[in-house]
N, C-alpha and C. Protein backbone atom coordinates (compact mmCIF):
# COMPACT_ATOMS: atom_id res chain seq x y z
N SER A 1 14.21 -7.80 4.51
CA SER A 1 14.27 -8.91 3.92
C SER A 1 13.30 -8.68 3.08
N LEU A 2 13.75 -9.25 1.41
CA LEU A 2 12.56 -9.78 0.59
C LEU A 2 12.30 -11.35 0.11
N ALA A 3 11.39 -11.05 0.70
CA ALA A 3 10.88 -12.40 -0.94
C ALA A 3 9.79 -12.49 -2.20
N LEU A 4 10.11 -13.12 -2.72
CA LEU A 4 9.34 -13.12 -4.00
C LEU A 4 9.35 -14.98 -4.46
N THR A 5 7.74 -14.82 -4.78
CA THR A 5 7.14 -16.51 -4.46
C THR A 5 7.34 -16.11 -6.18
N ALA A 6 6.64 -18.05 -6.42
CA ALA A 6 6.70 -18.11 -7.78
C ALA A 6 5.90 -17.35 -8.20
N ASP A 7 4.40 -17.32 -8.22
CA ASP A 7 3.74 -16.52 -8.23
C ASP A 7 3.64 -15.11 -8.81
N GLY A 8 4.87 -13.73 -7.91
CA GLY A 8 5.01 -13.15 -7.99
C GLY A 8 4.52 -11.86 -7.32
N ALA A 9 4.18 -12.96 -6.14
CA ALA A 9 4.03 -11.95 -5.24
C ALA A 9 5.24 -12.14 -4.27
N VAL A 10 5.10 -10.31 -3.69
CA VAL A 10 6.66 -9.96 -2.68
C VAL A 10 6.12 -9.65 -1.36
N TRP A 11 7.69 -10.49 -0.59
CA TRP A 11 6.95 -10.50 1.26
C TRP A 11 8.24 -9.89 1.67
N SER A 12 8.20 -9.02 2.53
CA SER A 12 9.05 -8.57 3.43
C SER A 12 8.82 -8.50 4.86
N TRP A 13 9.87 -8.65 5.22
CA TRP A 13 10.69 -8.90 7.29
C TRP A 13 11.77 -8.15 7.20
N GLY A 14 11.41 -7.59 8.86
CA GLY A 14 12.47 -6.80 9.35
C GLY A 14 12.46 -6.08 9.68
N CYS A 15 13.21 -5.05 9.99
CA CYS A 15 13.64 -4.02 10.55
C CYS A 15 13.00 -2.39 9.23
N GLY A 16 11.39 -2.03 9.93
CA GLY A 16 10.90 -1.32 8.87
C GLY A 16 11.24 0.70 8.92
N TRP A 17 12.10 0.92 9.67
CA TRP A 17 12.68 2.31 9.54
C TRP A 17 13.16 2.79 8.05
N THR A 18 12.03 4.15 7.67
CA THR A 18 12.15 5.02 6.73
C THR A 18 11.08 3.92 5.83
N GLY A 19 10.25 2.96 6.08
CA GLY A 19 9.53 2.17 5.01
C GLY A 19 10.24 1.25 4.48
N LEU A 20 11.26 0.72 5.05
CA LEU A 20 12.15 -0.27 3.94
C LEU A 20 11.53 -1.34 3.46
N LEU A 21 10.29 -2.00 4.14
CA LEU A 21 9.04 -2.84 4.09
C LEU A 21 8.20 -2.90 2.90
N GLY A 22 7.97 -1.65 2.35
CA GLY A 22 6.97 -1.90 1.51
C GLY A 22 5.55 -1.46 1.61
N HIS A 23 5.32 -1.51 3.65
CA HIS A 23 4.15 -2.29 3.99
C HIS A 23 2.94 -0.25 3.86
N GLY A 24 3.60 0.67 3.76
CA GLY A 24 3.26 2.10 4.41
C GLY A 24 3.36 2.60 5.65
N ASP A 25 4.16 1.90 6.25
CA ASP A 25 4.99 2.52 7.46
C ASP A 25 5.88 2.39 8.05
N GLN A 26 6.52 2.17 9.21
CA GLN A 26 7.61 2.08 9.78
C GLN A 26 7.69 1.22 10.83
N GLN A 27 6.99 -0.01 10.55
CA GLN A 27 6.69 -0.71 11.64
C GLN A 27 7.76 -2.29 11.43
N ASP A 28 8.26 -2.53 12.46
CA ASP A 28 9.21 -3.32 12.23
C ASP A 28 8.23 -5.00 11.87
N GLN A 29 8.54 -6.30 11.29
CA GLN A 29 7.71 -7.32 11.17
C GLN A 29 8.72 -8.53 11.24
N LEU A 30 8.40 -8.74 12.37
CA LEU A 30 8.92 -10.20 12.85
C LEU A 30 8.86 -11.70 11.94
N LEU A 31 7.85 -11.70 11.12
CA LEU A 31 7.33 -12.69 10.47
C LEU A 31 7.16 -12.33 9.20
N PRO A 32 7.59 -13.07 7.80
CA PRO A 32 7.47 -12.18 6.62
C PRO A 32 5.62 -11.80 6.45
N LYS A 33 5.51 -10.91 5.34
CA LYS A 33 4.25 -10.02 5.62
C LYS A 33 3.92 -9.71 3.70
N LYS A 34 3.09 -10.32 3.33
CA LYS A 34 2.74 -9.87 2.27
C LYS A 34 2.79 -8.72 2.19
N VAL A 35 3.24 -7.45 0.59
CA VAL A 35 3.06 -6.64 0.57
C VAL A 35 2.08 -6.37 -0.28
N GLU A 36 1.41 -5.70 0.36
CA GLU A 36 -0.50 -5.43 -0.51
C GLU A 36 -0.08 -4.64 -1.78
N ALA A 37 1.01 -3.67 -1.60
CA ALA A 37 1.09 -2.36 -3.16
C ALA A 37 1.29 -3.27 -4.21
N PHE A 38 1.49 -4.78 -4.16
CA PHE A 38 1.55 -5.55 -5.50
C PHE A 38 0.38 -6.21 -5.86
N ALA A 39 -0.74 -6.05 -5.37
CA ALA A 39 -1.91 -6.93 -5.61
C ALA A 39 -2.40 -6.50 -6.60
N GLY A 40 -2.75 -7.67 -7.95
CA GLY A 40 -2.96 -8.23 -8.95
C GLY A 40 -1.85 -7.79 -10.01
N ARG A 41 -0.73 -7.51 -9.87
CA ARG A 41 0.95 -7.21 -10.34
C ARG A 41 1.80 -8.39 -10.23
N ARG A 42 2.30 -9.28 -11.27
CA ARG A 42 3.32 -10.01 -11.04
C ARG A 42 4.88 -9.34 -11.18
N VAL A 43 5.57 -9.17 -10.04
CA VAL A 43 6.70 -8.79 -10.29
C VAL A 43 7.38 -9.92 -10.32
N VAL A 44 8.66 -9.68 -11.55
CA VAL A 44 9.28 -10.79 -12.09
C VAL A 44 10.94 -10.48 -11.01
N THR A 45 11.43 -9.80 -10.36
CA THR A 45 13.06 -9.59 -10.06
C THR A 45 12.75 -8.56 -8.85
N LEU A 46 13.53 -9.11 -8.06
CA LEU A 46 13.87 -7.87 -6.52
C LEU A 46 14.95 -7.58 -6.51
N SER A 47 15.59 -6.23 -5.95
CA SER A 47 16.54 -6.08 -5.73
C SER A 47 16.61 -5.43 -3.97
N ALA A 48 17.79 -5.78 -3.16
CA ALA A 48 17.34 -5.23 -1.59
C ALA A 48 18.45 -4.70 -1.33
N GLY A 49 18.34 -3.84 -1.18
CA GLY A 49 20.07 -2.90 -0.89
C GLY A 49 20.20 -2.48 0.95
N GLU A 50 20.63 -2.20 1.06
CA GLU A 50 20.62 -1.89 2.57
C GLU A 50 19.15 -0.99 3.38
N ASP A 51 18.94 0.25 2.50
CA ASP A 51 18.58 1.31 2.72
C ASP A 51 17.23 1.55 1.87
N HIS A 52 17.28 0.55 1.10
CA HIS A 52 15.69 1.06 -0.29
C HIS A 52 15.52 -0.40 -1.29
N SER A 53 14.80 -0.95 -1.92
CA SER A 53 14.09 -1.57 -2.58
C SER A 53 13.70 -1.10 -3.73
N LEU A 54 13.93 -2.07 -4.70
CA LEU A 54 13.14 -2.08 -6.41
C LEU A 54 12.87 -3.37 -6.39
N ALA A 55 11.83 -3.56 -7.41
CA ALA A 55 10.79 -4.63 -8.07
C ALA A 55 10.60 -4.17 -9.32
N LEU A 56 11.09 -4.89 -9.58
CA LEU A 56 10.38 -5.23 -11.62
C LEU A 56 8.92 -5.78 -11.43
N ALA A 57 8.43 -5.23 -12.42
CA ALA A 57 6.95 -6.12 -12.86
C ALA A 57 6.90 -6.58 -14.10
N ALA A 58 6.37 -7.42 -14.69
CA ALA A 58 5.97 -8.32 -15.48
C ALA A 58 6.02 -7.74 -16.64
N ASP A 59 4.83 -6.71 -16.46
CA ASP A 59 4.28 -5.07 -17.10
C ASP A 59 5.63 -4.19 -17.90
N GLY A 60 7.00 -4.84 -17.22
CA GLY A 60 8.06 -3.53 -17.02
C GLY A 60 7.92 -2.45 -16.14
N ALA A 61 7.25 -2.63 -15.40
CA ALA A 61 6.87 -0.68 -14.37
C ALA A 61 7.84 -1.52 -13.60
N VAL A 62 8.49 -0.37 -12.65
CA VAL A 62 9.95 -0.11 -11.64
C VAL A 62 9.33 0.26 -10.64
N PHE A 63 8.89 -0.09 -9.27
CA PHE A 63 8.60 0.62 -8.01
C PHE A 63 10.09 0.68 -7.04
N THR A 64 10.45 1.71 -6.40
CA THR A 64 11.28 1.28 -5.13
C THR A 64 10.98 2.10 -4.50
N TRP A 65 11.01 1.84 -2.75
CA TRP A 65 10.46 2.13 -1.94
C TRP A 65 11.78 2.02 -1.12
N GLY A 66 11.98 2.62 0.19
CA GLY A 66 12.79 3.27 1.25
C GLY A 66 12.70 4.54 1.66
N LEU A 67 14.39 4.32 1.75
CA LEU A 67 15.23 5.61 2.21
C LEU A 67 15.41 6.46 0.53
N GLY A 68 15.52 7.82 1.07
CA GLY A 68 14.71 8.09 -0.19
C GLY A 68 16.05 9.38 -0.60
N GLU A 69 16.89 9.28 0.22
CA GLU A 69 18.03 10.74 0.48
C GLU A 69 18.61 10.34 -0.81
N SER A 70 19.16 11.58 -1.09
CA SER A 70 19.86 11.98 -2.36
C SER A 70 19.51 11.96 -4.05
N GLY A 71 18.03 11.55 -3.95
CA GLY A 71 17.17 11.09 -4.45
C GLY A 71 17.33 9.72 -5.25
N CYS A 72 17.59 8.63 -4.31
CA CYS A 72 17.77 7.70 -4.93
C CYS A 72 17.07 6.38 -5.04
N LEU A 73 15.94 6.74 -4.62
CA LEU A 73 14.85 6.04 -4.84
C LEU A 73 14.50 6.51 -5.91
N GLY A 74 15.06 7.27 -7.66
CA GLY A 74 13.97 8.08 -8.73
C GLY A 74 13.29 8.80 -8.51
N HIS A 75 12.36 9.19 -7.44
CA HIS A 75 11.28 9.84 -7.72
C HIS A 75 11.47 11.40 -8.33
N GLY A 76 12.46 11.78 -7.75
CA GLY A 76 12.86 13.33 -8.56
C GLY A 76 12.47 13.86 -7.12
N GLU A 77 12.64 13.57 -6.04
CA GLU A 77 12.69 14.20 -4.69
C GLU A 77 13.41 13.38 -3.58
N ASP A 78 13.84 13.98 -2.66
CA ASP A 78 15.07 13.67 -1.61
C ASP A 78 14.20 13.63 -0.53
N LEU A 79 13.20 12.54 -0.18
CA LEU A 79 12.77 12.25 0.72
C LEU A 79 12.27 10.61 0.64
N SER A 80 11.98 9.61 2.07
CA SER A 80 11.53 8.33 2.16
C SER A 80 10.63 7.88 1.84
N ASN A 81 10.10 7.01 1.02
CA ASN A 81 8.74 6.22 0.65
C ASN A 81 8.73 4.95 1.22
């Protein structure tokens, strides 16, 4: 699960398999945990899929993470991040 706060912070919790939560590991989170990768950045919208997620920052930067099979993350490779 993902949540976006009014100040643009991203929080996630649930199953951490394949980096789904964006914390740089595969640990499950039983409680919401702030995604530190966005520190200093204002996220304006999120999209959470079953196996990967996407964030759009106020400056137009796009971020994806989770299961990267078949290049679905758009990173030009077939792996999970």
